[in-house]
Amino acid sequence: MPPPPSSPSVARKKLHDRVVHCQGFQRADGLWDIEAQLIDTKTYSFQNRDRGEIKVGEPVHQMQVRLTLDLDMHIIAVQVGMDDTPFKICPGAQAAMQQLVGLQIGAGWLRQARQRMTHRESCTHLFELLRPLATTAYQTMHRALEQRASRRPRQQRKRPAIIDQCYALASDRPVVKMEWPDFYTGTQQSETET
């Protein structure tokens, strides 16, 4: 990964690597599987109380979460895997993830998830995967959501949740004017972006 342009050129030594990989799938039964995997590795070997020596490049953490969703982004099922953990007791946190079943991914859903799963019951790393899982779900399901919305009568269409969630999709910018003109809030005189 190249450094940011403003980063000073200073000698450094890499010690830790975290890879988060997400994928989204449309299922034959009309549901959606959204998967995330987290792998942490070190560039040095070290002793671990429960596992003995963890060698260079061997995962300290290797965990997966699969959320099965309907098109309204309700969580229908949760599957969790914890292939590598620093402590033998860690896999006990998997059960808490079942508390996600029934939640709907959308505004405030991570707060609701945290209310259902306290820090003491859950795994920090599994919980961290929920944010990229949510954005991956939206990216995976976006086309189907847009197709469903386009079949509704114009007066019944809801404002897409993605509007005002980033710079390009601000309600007064050209992208929204082109993609969702009914929800555009800008004026011709104030437009400077192209």
Protein backbone atom coordinates (compact mmCIF):
# COMPACT_ATOMS: atom_id res chain seq x y z
CA MET A 1 0.00 0.00 0.00
CA PRO A 2 1.55 3.32 -1.00
CA PRO A 3 1.84 6.01 1.67
CA PRO A 4 -0.45 9.02 1.59
CA PRO A 5 1.08 11.91 -0.40
CA SER A 6 1.63 13.98 2.77
CA SER A 7 3.36 11.15 4.64
CA PRO A 8 6.97 11.90 5.62
CA SER A 9 9.61 9.54 4.30
CA VAL A 10 10.88 7.93 7.50
CA ALA A 11 12.41 4.49 7.93
CA ARG A 12 9.95 2.07 9.51
CA LYS A 13 9.50 -1.61 10.24
CA LYS A 14 6.24 -3.44 9.59
CA LEU A 15 5.06 -5.38 12.65
CA HIS A 16 1.39 -6.19 12.08
CA ASP A 17 -0.89 -6.89 9.15
CA ARG A 18 -4.68 -6.99 9.20
CA VAL A 19 -6.65 -8.08 6.16
CA VAL A 20 -10.43 -7.74 6.01
CA HIS A 21 -12.02 -9.38 2.99
CA CYS A 22 -15.74 -9.04 2.26
CA GLN A 23 -17.93 -10.69 -0.36
CA GLY A 24 -21.62 -10.56 -1.23
CA PHE A 25 -23.73 -13.28 -2.84
CA GLN A 26 -27.26 -13.49 -4.21
CA ARG A 27 -28.77 -16.84 -3.28
CA ALA A 28 -31.11 -18.96 -5.39
CA ASP A 29 -33.78 -18.73 -2.67
CA GLY A 30 -34.07 -14.93 -2.94
CA LEU A 31 -31.91 -14.20 0.12
CA TRP A 32 -28.42 -12.71 0.25
CA ASP A 33 -25.24 -13.94 1.95
CA ILE A 34 -22.77 -11.26 3.00
CA GLU A 35 -19.44 -12.55 4.27
CA ALA A 36 -16.43 -10.98 5.96
CA GLN A 37 -13.13 -12.47 7.05
CA LEU A 38 -10.52 -10.88 9.29
CA ILE A 39 -6.93 -12.15 9.46
CA ASP A 40 -4.25 -10.65 11.74
CA THR A 41 -0.62 -11.69 11.38
CA LYS A 42 2.69 -10.52 12.85
CA THR A 43 6.07 -10.14 11.17
CA TYR A 44 7.77 -11.84 14.11
CA SER A 45 7.27 -15.05 16.09
CA PHE A 46 6.13 -14.86 19.69
CA GLN A 47 5.05 -17.10 22.54
CA ASN A 48 1.36 -17.41 23.37
CA ARG A 49 0.13 -18.94 26.63
CA ASP A 50 -2.61 -21.04 24.96
CA ARG A 51 -1.09 -21.78 21.56
CA GLY A 52 2.62 -21.96 22.20
CA GLU A 53 4.72 -20.28 19.53
CA ILE A 54 2.83 -18.26 16.94
CA LYS A 55 5.18 -18.09 13.98
CA VAL A 56 5.80 -15.25 11.54
CA GLY A 57 2.79 -14.95 9.22
CA GLU A 58 0.64 -17.42 11.19
CA PRO A 59 -2.76 -15.91 11.96
CA VAL A 60 -3.22 -14.56 15.47
CA HIS A 61 -6.86 -13.95 14.55
CA GLN A 62 -8.69 -15.62 11.68
CA MET A 63 -12.43 -15.14 11.90
CA GLN A 64 -15.40 -15.13 9.57
CA VAL A 65 -18.97 -13.84 9.78
CA ARG A 66 -21.76 -14.60 7.33
CA LEU A 67 -25.02 -12.65 7.52
CA THR A 68 -28.00 -13.94 5.56
CA LEU A 69 -30.34 -11.07 4.66
CA ASP A 70 -33.62 -10.47 2.92
CA LEU A 71 -33.99 -7.60 0.46
CA ASP A 72 -35.17 -5.31 3.26
CA MET A 73 -31.81 -6.00 4.95
CA HIS A 74 -33.29 -7.92 7.86
CA ILE A 75 -30.79 -10.39 9.29
CA ILE A 76 -32.30 -13.86 8.85
CA ALA A 77 -29.31 -15.94 9.99
CA VAL A 78 -25.77 -15.52 11.31
CA GLN A 79 -22.87 -17.94 10.94
CA VAL A 80 -19.54 -17.38 12.65
CA GLY A 81 -16.18 -19.11 12.45
CA MET A 82 -13.14 -18.53 14.63
CA ASP A 83 -10.35 -20.64 13.09
CA ASP A 84 -7.52 -18.88 14.94
CA THR A 85 -7.76 -16.95 18.21
CA PRO A 86 -5.18 -15.92 20.80
CA PHE A 87 -7.01 -17.72 23.64
CA LYS A 88 -8.79 -21.08 23.76
CA ILE A 89 -11.80 -19.44 25.38
CA CYS A 90 -12.41 -16.94 22.51
CA PRO A 91 -14.80 -19.14 20.48
CA GLY A 92 -17.28 -18.85 23.35
CA ALA A 93 -18.08 -15.37 21.98
CA GLN A 94 -19.63 -16.83 18.82
CA ALA A 95 -22.98 -17.47 20.49
CA ALA A 96 -23.56 -13.76 21.15
CA MET A 97 -23.59 -13.09 17.42
CA GLN A 98 -26.94 -14.87 17.18
CA GLN A 99 -28.42 -11.81 18.90
CA LEU A 100 -28.16 -10.07 15.51
CA VAL A 101 -30.96 -12.20 14.04
CA GLY A 102 -33.99 -9.99 13.48
CA LEU A 103 -32.11 -6.68 13.27
CA GLN A 104 -32.36 -4.58 10.14
CA ILE A 105 -29.20 -3.08 8.71
CA GLY A 106 -29.72 0.67 8.43
CA ALA A 107 -29.40 3.83 10.46
CA GLY A 108 -28.56 3.07 14.08
CA TRP A 109 -28.28 -0.66 13.63
CA LEU A 110 -24.79 -0.95 15.15
CA ARG A 111 -26.06 0.76 18.31
CA GLN A 112 -28.89 -1.78 18.46
CA ALA A 113 -26.40 -4.60 17.92
CA ARG A 114 -24.25 -3.32 20.80
CA GLN A 115 -27.31 -3.15 23.05
CA ARG A 116 -28.01 -6.81 22.31
CA MET A 117 -24.38 -7.94 22.65
CA THR A 118 -22.36 -6.42 25.46
CA HIS A 119 -18.60 -6.15 25.23
CA ARG A 120 -18.26 -8.89 27.86
CA GLU A 121 -20.34 -11.36 25.82
CA SER A 122 -18.95 -10.69 22.36
CA CYS A 123 -15.68 -10.52 20.47
CA THR A 124 -14.21 -7.14 19.54
CA HIS A 125 -12.99 -8.42 16.18
CA LEU A 126 -16.27 -10.07 15.19
CA PHE A 127 -18.11 -6.88 16.12
CA GLU A 128 -15.66 -4.80 14.06
CA LEU A 129 -16.64 -6.83 10.99
CA LEU A 130 -20.24 -5.60 11.22
CA ARG A 131 -19.46 -2.20 9.66
CA PRO A 132 -17.80 -3.55 6.49
CA LEU A 133 -20.49 -6.26 6.34
CA ALA A 134 -23.16 -3.54 6.24
CA THR A 135 -21.48 -1.55 3.48
CA THR A 136 -20.81 -4.75 1.53
CA ALA A 137 -24.49 -5.67 1.87
CA TYR A 138 -25.50 -2.35 0.39
CA GLN A 139 -22.99 -2.66 -2.46
CA THR A 140 -24.14 -6.21 -3.18
CA MET A 141 -27.87 -5.48 -3.01
CA HIS A 142 -27.88 -1.96 -4.50
CA ARG A 143 -28.94 -3.01 -7.98
CA ALA A 144 -31.81 -5.15 -6.69
CA LEU A 145 -32.93 -2.36 -4.34
CA GLU A 146 -32.91 0.18 -7.18
CA GLN A 147 -34.82 -2.20 -9.46
CA ARG A 148 -37.46 -2.75 -6.79
CA ALA A 149 -37.76 0.99 -6.18
CA SER A 150 -38.16 1.70 -9.90
CA ARG A 151 -41.20 -0.60 -10.05
CA ARG A 152 -43.05 1.46 -7.44
CA PRO A 153 -45.28 4.36 -8.45
CA ARG A 154 -43.29 7.60 -8.31
CA GLN A 155 -45.25 9.01 -5.36
CA GLN A 156 -44.48 5.87 -3.29
CA ARG A 157 -40.73 5.93 -3.80
CA LYS A 158 -38.72 6.52 -0.66
CA ARG A 159 -35.63 8.67 -0.46
CA PRO A 160 -32.64 6.34 -0.93
CA ALA A 161 -30.79 5.93 2.36
CA ILE A 162 -27.46 6.52 0.64
CA ILE A 163 -28.26 10.18 -0.10
CA ASP A 164 -26.25 12.55 2.13
CA GLN A 165 -23.98 9.73 3.32
CA CYS A 166 -20.88 10.99 1.49
CA TYR A 167 -19.54 13.97 -0.46
CA ALA A 168 -20.55 12.77 -3.93
CA LEU A 169 -24.02 11.72 -2.82
CA ALA A 170 -24.96 14.93 -0.99
CA SER A 171 -28.54 15.83 -1.90
CA ASP A 172 -27.45 19.09 -3.59
CA ARG A 173 -24.74 17.58 -5.81
CA PRO A 174 -24.89 16.55 -9.48
CA VAL A 175 -24.84 12.79 -8.84
CA VAL A 176 -28.11 12.95 -6.91
CA LYS A 177 -29.57 15.30 -9.53
CA MET A 178 -28.82 12.70 -12.23
CA GLU A 179 -29.58 9.49 -10.33
CA TRP A 180 -32.46 10.56 -8.06
CA PRO A 181 -33.82 13.87 -9.41
CA ASP A 182 -36.91 13.67 -7.17
CA PHE A 183 -34.64 13.96 -4.12
CA TYR A 184 -32.28 16.63 -5.43
CA THR A 185 -32.17 19.74 -3.20
CA GLY A 186 -29.70 21.96 -5.05
CA THR A 187 -30.36 24.87 -7.35
CA GLN A 188 -28.96 25.62 -10.79
CA GLN A 189 -27.29 28.84 -9.54
CA SER A 190 -25.45 27.16 -6.63
CA GLU A 191 -23.98 24.26 -8.62
CA THR A 192 -20.25 24.45 -9.11
CA GLU A 193 -19.36 20.74 -9.17
CA THR A 194 -19.45 18.90 -12.46
